[in-house]
C-alpha atoms as a PDB file:
ATOM      1  CA  MET A   1      71.895 149.172 270.201  1.00  0.00           C
ATOM      2  CA  HIS A   2      72.313 151.046 273.491  1.00  0.00           C
ATOM      3  CA  ASN A   3      68.721 151.171 274.772  1.00  0.00           C
ATOM      4  CA  ASP A   4      66.876 149.627 277.713  1.00  0.00           C
ATOM      5  CA  ASP A   5      65.760 146.551 275.754  1.00  0.00           C
ATOM      6  CA  ASN A   6      69.353 145.644 274.939  1.00  0.00           C
ATOM      7  CA  LEU A   7      71.151 146.384 278.211  1.00  0.00           C
ATOM      8  CA  GLU A   8      70.917 142.756 279.330  1.00  0.00           C
ATOM      9  CA  LEU A   9      72.448 141.527 276.070  1.00  0.00           C
ATOM     10  CA  LEU A  10      75.142 144.189 276.257  1.00  0.00           C
ATOM     11  CA  GLU A  11      76.099 143.080 279.766  1.00  0.00           C
ATOM     12  CA  GLU A  12      76.327 139.473 278.616  1.00  0.00           C
ATOM     13  CA  LEU A  13      78.548 140.465 275.721  1.00  0.00           C
ATOM     14  CA  LYS A  14      80.794 142.475 278.029  1.00  0.00           C
ATOM     15  CA  ALA A  15      81.343 139.311 280.059  1.00  0.00           C
ATOM     16  CA  GLN A  16      82.336 137.376 276.949  1.00  0.00           C
ATOM     17  CA  PHE A  17      84.610 139.864 275.193  1.00  0.00           C
ATOM     18  CA  THR A  18      87.231 142.434 275.939  1.00  0.00           C
ATOM     19  CA  ALA A  19      86.237 146.053 275.366  1.00  0.00           C
ATOM     20  CA  GLU A  20      88.154 146.083 272.090  1.00  0.00           C
ATOM     21  CA  GLU A  21      86.556 142.846 270.887  1.00  0.00           C
ATOM     22  CA  LEU A  22      83.106 144.083 271.878  1.00  0.00           C
ATOM     23  CA  ASN A  23      83.493 147.359 269.997  1.00  0.00           C
ATOM     24  CA  ALA A  24      84.629 145.464 266.918  1.00  0.00           C
ATOM     25  CA  ALA A  25      81.647 143.089 267.201  1.00  0.00           C
ATOM     26  CA  LEU A  26      79.207 145.986 267.521  1.00  0.00           C
ATOM     27  CA  GLU A  27      80.647 147.651 264.445  1.00  0.00           C
ATOM     28  CA  GLN A  28      80.322 144.402 262.501  1.00  0.00           C
ATOM     29  CA  TYR A  29      76.703 144.103 263.649  1.00  0.00           C
ATOM     30  CA  LYS A  30      75.966 147.655 262.465  1.00  0.00           C
ATOM     31  CA  GLU A  31      77.574 146.878 259.104  1.00  0.00           C
ATOM     32  CA  LEU A  32      75.426 143.762 258.748  1.00  0.00           C
ATOM     33  CA  MET A  33      72.245 145.713 259.482  1.00  0.00           C
ATOM     34  CA  VAL A  34      73.245 148.285 256.859  1.00  0.00           C
ATOM     35  CA  LYS A  35      73.570 145.436 254.344  1.00  0.00           C
ATOM     36  CA  TYR A  36      70.065 144.237 255.189  1.00  0.00           C
ATOM     37  CA  SER A  37      68.758 147.800 254.802  1.00  0.00           C
ATOM     38  CA  CYS A  38      70.303 147.897 251.329  1.00  0.00           C
ATOM     39  CA  ALA A  39      68.677 144.566 250.470  1.00  0.00           C
ATOM     40  CA  ILE A  40      65.301 145.962 251.502  1.00  0.00           C
ATOM     41  CA  ARG A  41      65.773 148.962 249.223  1.00  0.00           C
ATOM     42  CA  GLU A  42      66.623 146.660 246.313  1.00  0.00           C
ATOM     43  CA  VAL A  43      63.512 144.516 246.811  1.00  0.00           C
ATOM     44  CA  ARG A  44      61.243 147.466 247.503  1.00  0.00           C
ATOM     45  CA  THR A  45      62.368 149.109 244.268  1.00  0.00           C
ATOM     46  CA  LYS A  46      61.489 145.966 242.336  1.00  0.00           C
ATOM     47  CA  PHE A  47      57.935 146.024 243.666  1.00  0.00           C
ATOM     48  CA  GLU A  48      57.583 149.746 243.007  1.00  0.00           C
ATOM     49  CA  VAL A  49      58.762 149.319 239.417  1.00  0.00           C
ATOM     50  CA  LEU A  50      56.258 146.502 238.835  1.00  0.00           C
ATOM     51  CA  ASN A  51      53.467 148.578 240.335  1.00  0.00           C
ATOM     52  CA  GLU A  52      54.210 151.539 238.074  1.00  0.00           C
ATOM     53  CA  GLU A  53      54.535 149.359 234.978  1.00  0.00           C
ATOM     54  CA  LEU A  54      51.256 147.558 235.635  1.00  0.00           C
ATOM     55  CA  GLN A  55      49.494 150.836 236.319  1.00  0.00           C
ATOM     56  CA  ILE A  56      50.331 151.904 232.762  1.00  0.00           C
ATOM     57  CA  LYS A  57      49.747 148.485 231.234  1.00  0.00           C
ATOM     58  CA  ASN A  58      46.541 147.474 233.043  1.00  0.00           C
ATOM     59  CA  LYS A  59      45.185 150.845 234.185  1.00  0.00           C
ATOM     60  CA  ARG A  60      45.252 149.812 237.844  1.00  0.00           C
ATOM     61  CA  ASN A  61      47.737 149.307 240.660  1.00  0.00           C
ATOM     62  CA  PRO A  62      48.115 145.739 241.947  1.00  0.00           C
ATOM     63  CA  ILE A  63      49.973 147.067 245.005  1.00  0.00           C
ATOM     64  CA  HIS A  64      48.202 149.266 247.538  1.00  0.00           C
ATOM     65  CA  SER A  65      51.136 149.884 249.882  1.00  0.00           C
ATOM     66  CA  ILE A  66      54.598 148.614 250.849  1.00  0.00           C
ATOM     67  CA  TYR A  67      56.078 148.503 254.337  1.00  0.00           C
ATOM     68  CA  SER A  68      59.526 147.408 255.480  1.00  0.00           C
ATOM     69  CA  ARG A  69      61.418 146.791 258.689  1.00  0.00           C
ATOM     70  CA  ILE A  70      64.671 145.473 260.112  1.00  0.00           C
ATOM     71  CA  LYS A  71      64.216 142.976 262.931  1.00  0.00           C
ATOM     72  CA  THR A  72      65.289 144.374 266.310  1.00  0.00           C
ATOM     73  CA  ILE A  73      68.340 142.973 268.010  1.00  0.00           C
ATOM     74  CA  LYS A  74      66.084 141.776 270.847  1.00  0.00           C
ATOM     75  CA  SER A  75      63.901 139.858 268.411  1.00  0.00           C
ATOM     76  CA  ILE A  76      66.926 138.401 266.591  1.00  0.00           C
ATOM     77  CA  ARG A  77      68.404 137.282 269.867  1.00  0.00           C
ATOM     78  CA  GLY A  78      65.105 135.708 270.931  1.00  0.00           C
ATOM     79  CA  LYS A  79      64.891 133.707 267.722  1.00  0.00           C
ATOM     80  CA  LEU A  80      68.439 132.386 268.119  1.00  0.00           C
ATOM     81  CA  THR A  81      67.779 131.545 271.771  1.00  0.00           C
ATOM     82  CA  ARG A  82      64.710 129.490 270.795  1.00  0.00           C
ATOM     83  CA  LYS A  83      66.979 127.568 268.425  1.00  0.00           C
ATOM     84  CA  ASN A  84      69.554 127.095 271.203  1.00  0.00           C
ATOM     85  CA  LEU A  85      72.113 129.011 269.172  1.00  0.00           C
ATOM     86  CA  PRO A  86      74.588 131.643 270.364  1.00  0.00           C
ATOM     87  CA  PHE A  87      74.243 135.251 269.277  1.00  0.00           C
ATOM     88  CA  THR A  88      76.832 135.513 266.497  1.00  0.00           C
ATOM     89  CA  LEU A  89      76.932 137.282 263.150  1.00  0.00           C
ATOM     90  CA  ASP A  90      77.222 133.962 261.312  1.00  0.00           C
ATOM     91  CA  ASN A  91      74.138 132.609 263.076  1.00  0.00           C
ATOM     92  CA  ILE A  92      72.202 135.776 262.310  1.00  0.00           C
ATOM     93  CA  GLN A  93      72.905 135.400 258.587  1.00  0.00           C
ATOM     94  CA  ASP A  94      72.540 131.625 258.425  1.00  0.00           C
ATOM     95  CA  GLU A  95      69.716 130.937 260.871  1.00  0.00           C
ATOM     96  CA  VAL A  96      67.502 134.051 260.901  1.00  0.00           C
ATOM     97  CA  SER A  97      65.917 134.421 257.483  1.00  0.00           C
ATOM     98  CA  ASP A  98      63.624 137.346 258.311  1.00  0.00           C
ATOM     99  CA  VAL A  99      66.068 139.965 259.600  1.00  0.00           C
ATOM    100  CA  ALA A 100      65.000 142.092 256.632  1.00  0.00           C
ATOM    101  CA  GLY A 101      61.273 142.133 255.990  1.00  0.00           C
ATOM    102  CA  ILE A 102      58.925 143.668 253.444  1.00  0.00           C
ATOM    103  CA  ARG A 103      55.126 143.598 253.593  1.00  0.00           C
ATOM    104  CA  VAL A 104      53.296 144.165 250.310  1.00  0.00           C
ATOM    105  CA  VAL A 105      49.593 144.943 250.603  1.00  0.00           C
ATOM    106  CA  CYS A 106      47.450 144.276 247.526  1.00  0.00           C
ATOM    107  CA  PRO A 107      43.809 145.092 246.778  1.00  0.00           C
ATOM    108  CA  PHE A 108      42.868 141.578 245.627  1.00  0.00           C
ATOM    109  CA  VAL A 109      43.973 138.000 246.201  1.00  0.00           C
ATOM    110  CA  ASP A 110      44.955 137.378 242.585  1.00  0.00           C
ATOM    111  CA  ASP A 111      47.208 140.451 242.724  1.00  0.00           C
ATOM    112  CA  ILE A 112      49.241 138.628 245.371  1.00  0.00           C
ATOM    113  CA  TYR A 113      49.940 135.611 243.189  1.00  0.00           C
ATOM    114  CA  GLU A 114      50.549 137.701 240.097  1.00  0.00           C
ATOM    115  CA  ILE A 115      53.085 139.954 241.840  1.00  0.00           C
ATOM    116  CA  ALA A 116      54.825 137.011 243.542  1.00  0.00           C
ATOM    117  CA  ASP A 117      55.108 135.230 240.204  1.00  0.00           C
ATOM    118  CA  MET A 118      56.568 138.305 238.492  1.00  0.00           C
ATOM    119  CA  ILE A 119      59.170 138.875 241.210  1.00  0.00           C
ATOM    120  CA  LEU A 120      60.325 135.264 241.146  1.00  0.00           C
ATOM    121  CA  LYS A 121      60.731 135.328 237.365  1.00  0.00           C
ATOM    122  CA  GLN A 122      63.418 138.004 237.696  1.00  0.00           C
ATOM    123  CA  ASP A 123      66.759 136.310 237.096  1.00  0.00           C
ATOM    124  CA  ASP A 124      68.595 137.899 240.019  1.00  0.00           C
ATOM    125  CA  ILE A 125      66.073 136.650 242.588  1.00  0.00           C
ATOM    126  CA  ARG A 126      66.538 133.315 244.322  1.00  0.00           C
ATOM    127  CA  LEU A 127      63.594 131.675 246.086  1.00  0.00           C
ATOM    128  CA  VAL A 128      64.709 130.082 249.358  1.00  0.00           C
ATOM    129  CA  ASN A 129      61.257 128.902 250.472  1.00  0.00           C
ATOM    130  CA  TYR A 130      57.640 129.973 250.622  1.00  0.00           C
ATOM    131  CA  LYS A 131      54.528 129.343 252.719  1.00  0.00           C
ATOM    132  CA  ASP A 132      51.047 129.928 251.385  1.00  0.00           C
ATOM    133  CA  TYR A 133      48.870 130.839 254.356  1.00  0.00           C
ATOM    134  CA  ILE A 134      46.125 132.004 251.997  1.00  0.00           C
ATOM    135  CA  ARG A 135      45.246 128.571 250.645  1.00  0.00           C
ATOM    136  CA  ALA A 136      46.171 127.000 254.003  1.00  0.00           C
ATOM    137  CA  PRO A 137      45.495 129.573 256.773  1.00  0.00           C
ATOM    138  CA  LYS A 138      46.964 129.215 260.242  1.00  0.00           C
ATOM    139  CA  SER A 139      44.688 127.808 262.936  1.00  0.00           C
ATOM    140  CA  ASN A 140      44.032 131.305 264.333  1.00  0.00           C
ATOM    141  CA  GLY A 141      42.777 132.520 260.953  1.00  0.00           C
ATOM    142  CA  TYR A 142      45.963 134.279 259.805  1.00  0.00           C
ATOM    143  CA  ARG A 143      46.244 134.512 256.020  1.00  0.00           C
ATOM    144  CA  SER A 144      49.208 135.789 254.037  1.00  0.00           C
ATOM    145  CA  TYR A 145      51.692 134.655 251.398  1.00  0.00           C
ATOM    146  CA  HIS A 146      55.273 134.412 252.676  1.00  0.00           C
ATOM    147  CA  MET A 147      58.456 134.123 250.643  1.00  0.00           C
ATOM    148  CA  ILE A 148      62.082 134.082 251.707  1.00  0.00           C
ATOM    149  CA  ILE A 149      64.132 135.337 248.783  1.00  0.00           C
ATOM    150  CA  GLU A 150      67.794 136.141 248.229  1.00  0.00           C
ATOM    151  CA  ILE A 151      68.830 139.209 246.290  1.00  0.00           C
ATOM    152  CA  PRO A 152      72.312 140.366 245.246  1.00  0.00           C
ATOM    153  CA  VAL A 153      73.481 143.665 246.685  1.00  0.00           C
ATOM    154  CA  PHE A 154      76.482 145.304 245.057  1.00  0.00           C
ATOM    155  CA  PHE A 155      78.926 146.999 247.397  1.00  0.00           C
ATOM    156  CA  SER A 156      82.162 148.851 246.609  1.00  0.00           C
ATOM    157  CA  GLU A 157      84.310 145.738 246.389  1.00  0.00           C
ATOM    158  CA  HIS A 158      82.002 142.740 246.245  1.00  0.00           C
ATOM    159  CA  LYS A 159      78.525 141.356 245.588  1.00  0.00           C
ATOM    160  CA  GLU A 160      76.620 139.678 248.392  1.00  0.00           C
ATOM    161  CA  TYR A 161      73.347 137.742 248.380  1.00  0.00           C
ATOM    162  CA  LEU A 162      71.110 138.630 251.314  1.00  0.00           C
ATOM    163  CA  LYS A 163      67.840 137.101 252.486  1.00  0.00           C
ATOM    164  CA  VAL A 164      64.650 139.137 252.654  1.00  0.00           C
ATOM    165  CA  GLU A 165      61.287 137.926 253.897  1.00  0.00           C
ATOM    166  CA  VAL A 166      58.388 139.106 251.743  1.00  0.00           C
ATOM    167  CA  GLN A 167      54.820 138.943 253.030  1.00  0.00           C
ATOM    168  CA  LEU A 168      51.982 139.618 250.596  1.00  0.00           C
ATOM    169  CA  ARG A 169      48.453 140.265 251.876  1.00  0.00           C
ATOM    170  CA  THR A 170      45.215 141.852 250.819  1.00  0.00           C
ATOM    171  CA  ILE A 171      44.108 145.052 252.536  1.00  0.00           C
ATOM    172  CA  ALA A 172      41.577 143.045 254.551  1.00  0.00           C
ATOM    173  CA  MET A 173      44.181 140.445 255.603  1.00  0.00           C
ATOM    174  CA  ASP A 174      46.554 143.205 256.672  1.00  0.00           C
ATOM    175  CA  PHE A 175      43.845 144.942 258.710  1.00  0.00           C
ATOM    176  CA  TRP A 176      43.058 141.697 260.525  1.00  0.00           C
ATOM    177  CA  ALA A 177      46.730 140.778 261.104  1.00  0.00           C
ATOM    178  CA  SER A 178      47.540 144.227 262.514  1.00  0.00           C
ATOM    179  CA  LEU A 179      44.719 144.079 265.064  1.00  0.00           C
ATOM    180  CA  GLU A 180      45.414 140.452 265.946  1.00  0.00           C
ATOM    181  CA  HIS A 181      49.080 141.271 266.541  1.00  0.00           C
ATOM    182  CA  GLU A 182      48.172 144.206 268.790  1.00  0.00           C
ATOM    183  CA  MET A 183      45.821 142.105 270.921  1.00  0.00           C
ATOM    184  CA  ARG A 184      48.091 139.057 271.049  1.00  0.00           C
ATOM    185  CA  TYR A 185      50.764 141.090 272.816  1.00  0.00           C
ATOM    186  CA  LYS A 186      48.433 142.379 275.519  1.00  0.00           C
ATOM    187  CA  LYS A 187      49.799 140.778 278.704  1.00  0.00           C
ATOM    188  CA  ASP A 188      47.034 141.585 281.184  1.00  0.00           C
ATOM    189  CA  LEU A 189      44.193 139.467 279.749  1.00  0.00           C
ATOM    190  CA  THR A 190      42.735 136.496 281.610  1.00  0.00           C
ATOM    191  CA  ASP A 191      42.704 133.090 279.918  1.00  0.00           C
ATOM    192  CA  GLU A 192      38.934 133.279 279.564  1.00  0.00           C
ATOM    193  CA  ILE A 193      39.056 136.661 277.828  1.00  0.00           C
ATOM    194  CA  SER A 194      41.967 135.566 275.643  1.00  0.00           C
ATOM    195  CA  GLN A 195      40.081 132.478 274.470  1.00  0.00           C
ATOM    196  CA  SER A 196      36.975 134.546 273.766  1.00  0.00           C
ATOM    197  CA  ILE A 197      38.955 137.087 271.752  1.00  0.00           C
ATOM    198  CA  SER A 198      40.707 134.318 269.813  1.00  0.00           C
ATOM    199  CA  ALA A 199      37.337 132.833 268.868  1.00  0.00           C
ATOM    200  CA  GLN A 200      36.024 136.238 267.780  1.00  0.00           C
ATOM    201  CA  LEU A 201      39.178 136.935 265.754  1.00  0.00           C
ATOM    202  CA  LEU A 202      38.832 133.577 263.993  1.00  0.00           C
ATOM    203  CA  ASP A 203      35.232 134.446 263.158  1.00  0.00           C
ATOM    204  CA  CYS A 204      36.398 137.828 261.803  1.00  0.00           C
ATOM    205  CA  ALA A 205      39.091 136.078 259.730  1.00  0.00           C
ATOM    206  CA  ASN A 206      36.445 133.844 258.154  1.00  0.00           C
ATOM    207  CA  THR A 207      34.308 136.889 257.386  1.00  0.00           C
ATOM    208  CA  ILE A 208      37.277 138.645 255.802  1.00  0.00           C
ATOM    209  CA  THR A 209      37.980 135.561 253.676  1.00  0.00           C
ATOM    210  CA  GLU A 210      34.428 135.664 252.371  1.00  0.00           C
ATOM    211  CA  MET A 211      34.706 139.395 251.695  1.00  0.00           C
ATOM    212  CA  ASP A 212      37.992 138.964 249.791  1.00  0.00           C
ATOM    213  CA  SER A 213      36.361 136.275 247.681  1.00  0.00           C
ATOM    214  CA  LYS A 214      33.328 138.434 246.875  1.00  0.00           C
ATOM    215  CA  MET A 215      35.490 141.455 246.068  1.00  0.00           C
ATOM    216  CA  GLN A 216      37.572 139.237 243.779  1.00  0.00           C
ATOM    217  CA  GLU A 217      34.433 138.149 241.926  1.00  0.00           C
ATOM    218  CA  ILE A 218      33.380 141.774 241.430  1.00  0.00           C
ATOM    219  CA  LYS A 219      36.867 142.717 240.250  1.00  0.00           C
ATOM    220  CA  ASN A 220      36.874 139.862 237.709  1.00  0.00           C
ATOM    221  CA  GLN A 221      33.681 141.269 236.218  1.00  0.00           C
ATOM    222  CA  ILE A 222      35.315 144.669 235.818  1.00  0.00           C
ATOM    223  CA  PHE A 223      38.697 143.325 234.663  1.00  0.00           C
ATOM    224  CA  PRO A 224      37.797 140.042 232.906  1.00  0.00           C
ATOM    225  CA  LYS A 225      41.404 139.508 231.847  1.00  0.00           C
ATOM    226  CA  TYR A 226      42.205 138.322 235.361  1.00  0.00           C
ATOM    227  CA  THR A 227      40.532 135.070 236.293  1.00  0.00           C
ATOM    228  CA  GLU A 228      40.933 132.236 238.759  1.00  0.00           C
ATOM    229  CA  GLU A 229      43.759 130.937 236.540  1.00  0.00           C
ATOM    230  CA  THR A 230      46.016 133.693 237.904  1.00  0.00           C
ATOM    231  CA  MET A 231      45.436 132.476 241.443  1.00  0.00           C
ATOM    232  CA  THR A 232      46.097 128.805 240.730  1.00  0.00           C
ATOM    233  CA  THR A 233      49.257 129.209 238.659  1.00  0.00           C
ATOM    234  CA  ASN A 234      52.265 128.020 240.654  1.00  0.00           C
ATOM    235  CA  HIS A 235      55.797 128.192 239.257  1.00  0.00           C
ATOM    236  CA  TYR A 236      57.540 127.214 242.468  1.00  0.00           C
END
């Protein structure tokens, strides 16, 4: 926690707490982040197991890659500030649902829905909410399938349910999102250039959507077992 990005927050906390209270709060924060790291490992393992099973069963991997991250303290604080909430451990757990995040990248669109469906059928997973930005993309062209789930993590003396955000994308969606994210955070662009880039990125997103659809059609010819029915099934 002691880096340049967090010095301002640290100074604010010093003004609110005694040194002893602050040290205790920092230790509790570290413990909470460890819990979220454990939750990520639990969820990641579930996806890896499914990928290995389906490789044997269907002779192909529905998951191309898996990435994970813990939200930075600066980002957590920013989210709470936007909600006009104080920076407390209770607010982090109750109000910030994406502290722990996993991104699952799939080759094809129907892989996304199939994998999401399989995860949610597991009896220890609780679905908190979901947003389908594939069927209903954001205005900038962003496409992805988001789920907030809760998973039990077993510690030495208790079991605790923790929230994890899961994002599922195709390889093409992930490529677009990564570049869009990089350009969105460039601070030295004029409004004119920013608007031009946004228009070009939206055009690229539409092209990628068409490509995903065509690749899906080709895949269905090779693996006829998987059809549009997989993509339209919704158990939530």
